[in-house]
Protein backbone atom coordinates (compact mmCIF):
# COMPACT_ATOMS: atom_id res chain seq x y z
CA MET A 1 60.79 20.47 7.26
CA THR A 2 58.07 22.05 9.39
CA SER A 3 57.57 25.79 9.80
CA ASN A 4 58.64 25.40 13.45
CA ASP A 5 61.94 23.80 12.34
CA ILE A 6 62.55 26.73 9.96
CA TYR A 7 61.73 29.20 12.75
CA LYS A 8 64.28 27.56 15.06
CA LYS A 9 66.96 27.64 12.34
CA VAL A 10 66.34 31.33 11.66
CA LEU A 11 66.53 32.12 15.38
CA ARG A 12 69.78 30.20 15.67
CA ALA A 13 71.25 32.01 12.64
CA ILE A 14 70.27 35.42 14.04
CA SER A 15 71.70 34.59 17.48
CA GLU A 16 75.06 33.69 15.91
CA GLU A 17 75.45 37.09 14.19
CA ASN A 18 77.10 39.95 16.06
CA GLY A 19 74.93 42.98 16.69
CA LEU A 20 71.61 41.25 16.05
CA LYS A 21 70.46 40.74 19.64
CA ALA A 22 67.65 43.28 19.21
CA LEU A 23 66.39 41.57 16.05
CA HIS A 24 66.58 38.24 17.87
CA GLN A 25 64.28 39.59 20.59
CA ARG A 26 61.80 41.10 18.11
CA TYR A 27 61.65 37.88 16.12
CA GLN A 28 60.40 36.01 19.19
CA LEU A 29 57.20 38.07 19.50
CA LYS A 30 54.83 35.10 19.43
CA ASP A 31 56.91 33.16 21.95
CA ALA A 32 57.13 36.25 24.16
CA ILE A 33 53.33 36.47 24.33
CA MET A 34 53.09 32.75 25.08
CA ARG A 35 55.48 33.23 28.01
CA MET A 36 52.82 35.24 29.80
CA GLY A 37 51.76 32.14 31.70
CA PRO A 38 48.86 29.70 31.78
CA ALA A 39 46.31 31.82 33.68
CA GLY A 40 45.98 34.49 30.98
CA PHE A 41 45.71 37.42 33.42
CA ALA A 42 48.99 38.94 32.19
CA PHE A 43 47.70 38.71 28.58
CA GLU A 44 44.55 40.61 29.58
CA ASN A 45 46.67 43.33 31.20
CA TYR A 46 48.85 43.45 28.08
CA ILE A 47 45.84 43.86 25.77
CA ALA A 48 44.52 46.60 28.07
CA SER A 49 47.84 48.45 27.62
CA ILE A 50 47.67 48.02 23.82
CA LEU A 51 44.12 49.41 23.79
CA GLU A 52 45.17 52.44 25.82
CA TYR A 53 47.99 53.15 23.34
CA CYS A 54 45.37 52.90 20.55
CA GLY A 55 43.13 55.53 22.10
CA TYR A 56 40.74 53.42 24.18
CA GLN A 57 39.83 54.22 27.75
CA VAL A 58 39.93 50.91 29.60
CA SER A 59 37.51 51.22 32.50
CA GLY A 60 37.43 47.66 33.76
CA ILE A 61 39.59 44.52 33.89
CA ARG A 62 37.85 41.26 34.84
CA SER A 63 34.71 43.15 35.87
CA LYS A 64 31.49 41.43 36.93
CA ILE A 65 28.58 42.96 35.04
CA PRO A 66 24.92 41.93 35.44
CA GLY A 67 22.97 41.05 32.30
CA LYS A 68 19.28 40.32 31.81
CA CYS A 69 19.66 36.63 32.68
CA ALA A 70 23.09 36.23 34.30
CA THR A 71 26.06 38.06 35.76
CA HIS A 72 29.12 37.93 33.50
CA GLU A 73 32.84 38.35 34.23
CA ILE A 74 34.11 40.45 31.36
CA ASP A 75 37.84 40.49 30.60
CA LEU A 76 37.97 44.15 29.54
CA THR A 77 35.65 47.09 29.05
CA GLY A 78 36.90 49.75 26.66
CA THR A 79 35.48 53.05 25.39
CA LYS A 80 36.49 54.94 22.25
CA ASP A 81 34.65 57.69 20.35
CA SER A 82 31.72 57.45 22.80
CA GLN A 83 31.27 53.75 22.04
CA LYS A 84 31.61 51.16 24.79
CA PHE A 85 32.98 47.73 23.91
CA LEU A 86 32.81 44.33 25.55
CA ILE A 87 36.30 42.84 25.07
CA GLU A 88 37.20 39.18 25.51
CA CYS A 89 40.83 37.96 25.59
CA LYS A 90 41.52 34.39 24.51
CA TYR A 91 45.00 33.30 25.52
CA HIS A 92 46.75 30.04 24.58
CA SER A 93 50.17 29.04 25.89
CA LEU A 94 50.75 26.48 23.10
CA ARG A 95 51.24 26.92 19.37
CA GLY A 96 48.66 25.48 16.99
CA VAL A 97 45.65 26.00 19.29
CA TYR A 98 42.91 27.84 17.42
CA THR A 99 40.28 30.18 18.82
CA GLY A 100 37.10 28.78 17.32
CA LEU A 101 33.40 29.21 16.77
CA LYS A 102 32.55 28.33 20.39
CA GLU A 103 34.45 31.36 21.72
CA SER A 104 32.81 33.63 19.16
CA LEU A 105 29.37 32.27 20.01
CA TYR A 106 29.56 32.70 23.76
CA THR A 107 31.09 36.17 23.47
CA HIS A 108 28.12 37.19 21.34
CA ALA A 109 25.68 35.54 23.79
CA ARG A 110 27.16 37.64 26.60
CA PHE A 111 26.95 40.74 24.44
CA LEU A 112 23.24 40.12 23.74
CA ASP A 113 22.45 39.42 27.41
CA MET A 114 23.98 42.75 28.46
CA GLN A 115 22.25 44.96 25.91
CA PRO A 116 22.09 47.94 25.75
CA LYS A 117 25.22 48.39 27.91
CA PHE A 118 27.67 47.84 25.04
CA SER A 119 27.91 49.24 21.50
CA GLY A 120 30.09 46.45 20.18
CA GLU A 121 32.09 43.32 20.96
CA ILE A 122 35.76 42.52 20.34
CA ILE A 123 37.83 39.34 20.72
CA PHE A 124 41.63 39.43 21.04
CA CYS A 125 43.56 36.16 20.83
CA ASN A 126 47.26 35.35 20.56
CA THR A 127 46.91 32.40 18.17
CA GLN A 128 45.02 31.96 14.92
CA VAL A 129 41.23 31.96 14.65
CA SER A 130 39.20 29.33 12.80
CA ASN A 131 37.44 30.04 9.50
CA HIS A 132 34.07 29.21 11.10
CA ALA A 133 34.67 31.85 13.78
CA LYS A 134 35.73 34.41 11.16
CA LYS A 135 32.59 33.79 9.09
CA TYR A 136 30.28 33.99 12.11
CA ALA A 137 31.98 37.11 13.50
CA LYS A 138 31.73 38.87 10.16
CA CYS A 139 28.03 38.00 9.93
CA ILE A 140 27.13 39.42 13.36
CA GLY A 141 29.52 42.39 13.32
CA GLN A 142 31.90 41.03 15.95
CA GLN A 143 35.51 42.28 15.70
CA ILE A 144 38.37 39.78 16.03
CA PHE A 145 42.07 40.62 16.30
CA SER A 146 44.23 37.50 16.27
CA TRP A 147 47.51 36.18 14.93
CA ARG A 148 47.59 36.80 11.16
CA TYR A 149 44.01 38.16 11.16
CA PRO A 150 42.61 40.48 9.91
CA GLY A 151 45.45 41.20 7.48
CA ILE A 152 47.25 44.48 8.13
CA ASN A 153 45.29 44.94 11.38
CA SER A 154 46.17 41.58 12.91
CA LEU A 155 47.45 41.47 16.49
CA GLU A 156 51.12 41.15 15.55
CA LYS A 157 50.85 43.96 12.96
CA ILE A 158 49.34 46.31 15.57
CA ILE A 159 52.19 45.43 17.93
CA GLU A 160 54.95 45.81 15.32
CA LYS A 161 53.58 49.02 13.79
CA ASN A 162 53.34 50.78 17.16
CA ASN A 163 56.35 49.14 18.89
CA LEU A 164 54.02 47.68 21.53
CA TYR A 165 56.18 44.64 22.20
CA PRO A 166 55.37 42.87 25.48
CA ILE A 167 57.71 43.09 28.42
CA THR A 168 58.24 39.31 28.09
CA ILE A 169 60.61 39.86 25.14
CA LEU A 170 63.10 40.57 27.93
CA ASN A 171 63.02 36.91 29.05
CA LEU A 172 61.62 37.66 32.49
CA SER A 173 61.30 35.20 35.33
CA GLN A 174 57.73 34.34 36.36
CA SER A 175 58.11 36.40 39.54
CA GLU A 176 59.28 39.44 37.52
CA LEU A 177 56.38 39.03 35.10
CA LYS A 178 53.94 38.93 38.02
CA ILE A 179 55.44 42.11 39.49
CA PHE A 180 55.30 44.04 36.20
CA SER A 181 51.78 42.78 35.47
CA GLU A 182 50.55 43.95 38.88
CA SER A 183 52.27 47.31 38.26
CA ASN A 184 50.49 47.65 34.88
CA MET A 185 53.80 47.77 33.02
CA MET A 186 53.19 45.28 30.21
CA ILE A 187 54.67 47.20 27.24
CA ALA A 188 58.46 46.86 27.07
CA LYS A 189 59.14 50.48 26.13
CA ASP A 190 57.19 51.62 29.24
CA LEU A 191 60.37 50.83 31.19
CA LEU A 192 62.00 53.84 29.52
CA ARG A 193 59.46 56.25 31.05
CA TYR A 194 61.26 56.30 34.40
CA ASP A 195 64.83 56.00 35.63
CA GLU A 196 66.01 52.70 37.06
CA SER A 197 65.83 53.96 40.65
CA LYS A 198 62.12 54.78 40.43
CA ILE A 199 61.25 51.47 38.76
CA ALA A 200 63.32 49.60 41.35
CA ARG A 201 61.33 51.31 44.10
CA MET A 202 58.03 50.56 42.31
CA THR A 203 58.79 46.89 41.69
CA GLY A 204 61.39 45.76 44.21
CA ILE A 205 63.59 44.53 41.34
CA SER A 206 67.26 45.55 41.63
CA LYS A 207 68.51 48.71 39.90
CA LYS A 208 71.15 46.71 38.03
CA ARG A 209 68.56 44.33 36.61
CA ILE A 210 66.29 47.24 35.60
CA SER A 211 69.24 49.05 34.01
CA ASN A 212 70.12 45.98 31.93
CA MET A 213 66.49 45.69 30.78
CA GLN A 214 66.44 49.36 29.77
CA LYS A 215 69.66 48.99 27.77
CA LEU A 216 68.20 46.04 25.84
CA ILE A 217 64.98 47.96 25.14
CA GLU A 218 67.02 50.89 23.78
CA GLN A 219 68.91 48.46 21.51
CA ILE A 220 65.62 47.01 20.25
CA PHE A 221 63.70 50.22 19.59
CA TYR A 222 66.35 52.91 19.26
CA PRO A 223 69.45 51.28 17.68
CA LYS A 224 72.38 53.60 17.08
């Protein structure tokens, strides 16, 4: 039996138990991230929101920045403790696709070309990272946050520890995801910041639909 078969069986068992809808949603974290769509823009906006919750000031999303030899489109630019970071987001919509040495190499090449504009470089990816990439990144001082790496500070641990679950755990339609992404509302619990009327006005999504989303979020994060 494959790990994916076991995962499906666990999901089915949870879904059949009364009162476990919130757990069912939480358990689908990896799938929820993969539902962000093939372009990866929503994932970049989601990582920007995570960084802001973690104390970074995100000053640019998909910014074009000139280097010594070329102009580079950088996914994110983040500042924390007076240090400015070049941040690359590697998104995969399929399980089993690794972020490898190539991605680590070209991120570092961009970092070197834009010196001294950045203090450090970070890669975020929603799947696992190869051992070659880990070894290279460690050697050059590049930070990587991916699925199951690095240990207690892996992407899913950061999300779980801080309740930064993506809005896609709510099983959104693609049009709803696009609307929330453009409104910079990528963290599920952000929907509890405003009443349903204000969010409906901001997004054009019906009050009833927003209210149902808010009720599910309360069940997930604040069960009675």
